[in-house]
Protein backbone atom coordinates (compact mmCIF):
# COMPACT_ATOMS: atom_id res chain seq x y z
CA MET A 1 54.87 49.15 104.10
CA PRO A 2 51.30 51.20 105.69
CA VAL A 3 48.63 48.50 106.43
CA GLU A 4 46.02 49.48 103.56
CA PRO A 5 42.76 50.69 104.67
CA THR A 6 39.49 48.83 103.77
CA PRO A 7 37.44 49.78 101.52
CA GLU A 8 34.50 51.43 103.29
CA TRP A 9 31.55 49.41 101.69
CA VAL A 10 33.08 46.04 103.72
CA PHE A 11 32.59 47.93 107.54
CA SER A 12 29.28 46.47 108.93
CA GLU A 13 27.50 48.28 111.50
CA ALA A 14 28.75 46.51 114.47
CA ASP A 15 31.70 47.70 113.25
CA ARG A 16 30.64 51.51 113.33
CA SER A 17 29.69 50.21 117.00
CA ALA A 18 32.17 48.11 118.97
CA MET A 19 34.65 51.18 117.30
CA ALA A 20 32.80 54.07 118.68
CA LEU A 21 33.28 52.34 122.24
CA ALA A 22 36.46 51.53 121.28
CA LEU A 23 37.18 55.47 120.97
CA GLU A 24 34.59 56.40 124.35
CA GLU A 25 37.58 54.28 125.97
CA ALA A 26 40.20 56.09 123.83
CA ARG A 27 38.94 59.20 125.27
CA ALA A 28 38.64 58.42 128.50
CA ALA A 29 42.49 58.18 128.51
CA ALA A 30 43.24 60.80 127.23
CA VAL A 31 41.59 62.51 129.78
CA ALA A 32 43.61 59.99 131.82
CA GLY A 33 46.77 61.44 130.42
CA ASP A 34 47.69 57.99 128.45
CA VAL A 35 47.91 58.08 125.16
CA PRO A 36 44.30 58.34 123.50
CA VAL A 37 44.41 54.33 122.73
CA GLY A 38 40.62 52.57 123.47
CA ALA A 39 40.17 48.53 122.47
CA VAL A 40 36.92 45.69 122.63
CA VAL A 41 37.30 42.28 122.59
CA VAL A 42 33.45 41.30 120.96
CA ASP A 43 32.58 37.80 120.58
CA ALA A 44 30.51 35.63 117.22
CA ALA A 45 27.27 36.63 119.09
CA GLY A 46 28.44 40.46 119.25
CA THR A 47 28.67 40.89 122.93
CA VAL A 48 31.01 43.03 124.10
CA LEU A 49 32.98 40.47 126.27
CA ALA A 50 35.36 43.66 127.25
CA ARG A 51 36.15 47.57 127.11
CA ASP A 52 39.76 49.44 127.82
CA HIS A 53 42.25 52.19 127.52
CA ASN A 54 45.94 52.17 127.54
CA ARG A 55 46.67 52.76 131.32
CA ARG A 56 50.02 52.85 131.37
CA VAL A 57 50.28 56.21 133.07
CA SER A 58 48.12 55.06 135.30
CA GLU A 59 49.80 51.64 136.03
CA SER A 60 53.28 52.38 135.45
CA ASP A 61 52.73 49.33 133.17
CA PRO A 62 54.69 49.96 129.67
CA THR A 63 52.43 46.51 128.89
CA ALA A 64 49.35 48.86 130.15
CA HIS A 65 48.17 48.81 126.57
CA ALA A 66 44.17 48.44 125.74
CA GLU A 67 44.64 45.75 123.83
CA VAL A 68 46.54 43.31 125.92
CA LEU A 69 43.92 44.58 128.65
CA VAL A 70 40.41 43.89 126.87
CA MET A 71 42.75 40.19 125.91
CA ARG A 72 43.25 39.63 129.60
CA ALA A 73 39.95 40.67 130.93
CA ALA A 74 37.67 39.04 127.75
CA ALA A 75 39.92 35.84 128.05
CA ARG A 76 39.32 35.59 132.11
CA ARG A 77 35.31 36.13 131.18
CA ARG A 78 35.89 33.09 128.99
CA GLY A 79 37.52 31.16 131.41
CA SER A 80 39.99 30.36 128.68
CA TRP A 81 43.08 32.20 126.82
CA ARG A 82 41.75 31.45 124.03
CA LEU A 83 40.00 33.94 122.28
CA ASP A 84 38.87 31.46 118.82
CA GLY A 85 35.69 33.75 118.01
CA CYS A 86 36.15 37.29 118.92
CA THR A 87 36.90 40.61 116.94
CA LEU A 88 39.06 42.94 118.65
CA TYR A 89 38.86 46.24 117.86
CA VAL A 90 41.87 48.95 118.51
CA THR A 91 41.56 53.01 117.67
CA LEU A 92 45.04 52.98 116.54
CA GLU A 93 47.20 49.99 114.41
CA PRO A 94 48.90 47.18 117.31
CA CYS A 95 52.25 47.70 118.19
CA ALA A 96 54.82 44.61 118.17
CA MET A 97 54.16 43.49 121.37
CA CYS A 98 50.59 43.80 121.09
CA ALA A 99 50.07 42.29 117.26
CA GLY A 100 52.47 38.95 119.14
CA ALA A 101 49.44 38.63 121.97
CA ILE A 102 47.14 39.07 118.91
CA VAL A 103 48.72 35.99 117.58
CA LEU A 104 48.87 34.60 120.66
CA ALA A 105 45.48 34.18 121.30
CA ARG A 106 43.83 33.19 118.35
CA ILE A 107 42.40 35.80 117.72
CA PRO A 108 40.60 35.98 113.76
CA THR A 109 40.15 39.67 113.62
CA VAL A 110 41.54 42.56 114.26
CA VAL A 111 39.63 45.70 113.15
CA ILE A 112 42.28 48.60 112.94
CA GLY A 113 40.73 52.20 112.91
CA ALA A 114 43.97 54.43 112.56
CA PRO A 115 47.09 53.04 111.24
CA ASP A 116 50.71 53.50 113.13
CA PRO A 117 53.76 54.65 110.74
CA LYS A 118 56.34 54.53 114.13
CA ALA A 119 54.97 51.09 115.89
CA GLY A 120 52.31 49.58 113.81
CA ALA A 121 52.59 45.83 113.85
CA ALA A 122 49.59 45.00 111.39
CA GLY A 123 51.71 46.40 108.05
CA SER A 124 53.10 49.81 108.38
CA VAL A 125 56.04 49.15 110.29
CA LEU A 126 56.05 44.86 110.77
CA GLY A 127 53.63 42.50 109.82
CA VAL A 128 53.33 40.53 112.62
CA LEU A 129 49.84 39.39 112.47
CA ALA A 130 51.14 38.57 108.17
CA GLU A 131 53.63 36.34 110.28
CA PRO A 132 54.34 32.93 107.69
CA ALA A 133 56.29 32.08 110.82
CA LEU A 134 53.59 32.59 112.66
CA ASN A 135 50.72 29.51 113.02
CA HIS A 136 47.74 32.09 112.90
CA HIS A 137 47.16 35.40 110.64
CA PRO A 138 43.84 37.01 111.55
CA GLU A 139 41.99 38.53 108.86
CA VAL A 140 42.81 42.69 109.03
CA ILE A 141 40.25 45.64 108.65
CA ALA A 142 41.86 48.89 108.58
CA GLY A 143 40.06 52.28 109.04
CA VAL A 144 36.82 51.62 110.46
CA ARG A 145 36.17 55.34 111.47
CA GLU A 146 39.54 56.64 110.69
CA PRO A 147 39.60 59.94 110.95
CA GLU A 148 37.98 60.03 114.82
CA CYS A 149 41.10 58.06 115.43
CA ALA A 150 43.27 59.78 113.13
CA ALA A 151 41.87 63.07 114.87
CA LEU A 152 41.79 62.36 118.62
CA LEU A 153 45.66 61.13 118.76
CA ARG A 154 46.40 64.09 116.34
CA GLU A 155 44.60 66.40 118.60
CA PHE A 156 46.40 64.66 122.06
CA PHE A 157 50.29 64.64 120.42
CA GLY A 158 49.40 68.30 119.61
CA ALA A 159 48.36 69.65 122.83
CA LYS A 160 51.40 67.48 124.54
CA ARG A 161 53.75 70.10 122.24
CA GLY A 162 51.39 73.42 122.81
CA GLU A 163 49.87 73.19 119.35
CA GLY A 164 46.20 72.97 119.83
CA PRO A 165 43.48 73.19 122.67
CA GLY A 166 44.48 72.56 126.29
CA GLY A 167 48.24 73.13 124.74
CA GLY A 168 51.58 73.85 127.41
CA SER A 169 54.87 71.90 127.75
CA ALA A 170 54.76 68.26 128.28
């Protein structure tokens, strides 16, 4: 079952602003030739603790997903692996690896831009974030700036397939 979008009226200006930062990061990933996913971790006071984008290509690291990178950086900045009171903003629904890391980091809120019908683990393909057997279940807010997040991914993959601007063989 796909991730259900949250009603638009629930999104705060802070949600929209943080997702704008995540979108900036996603664009940087695309420029670097990686899947355009960006993420931001914000603490309870609204301070941005970390922001980054996919770096699998540049780091030759299959675990260098935006979510993992920002959780690592935020944990270092706080001096604790527990990210209680933080919100993770990510332009694409987390995969199983990232969802597992979110649960382990005890992040209470995850804000998602676009769903991932092929690998999403917040409800689209798997329900890791709501798995009853796990000890932590973050609130999921989905659909913040979804059209922009989804368009960035469509354009990136369209170009890889030669369907859009900058197209050619990948």
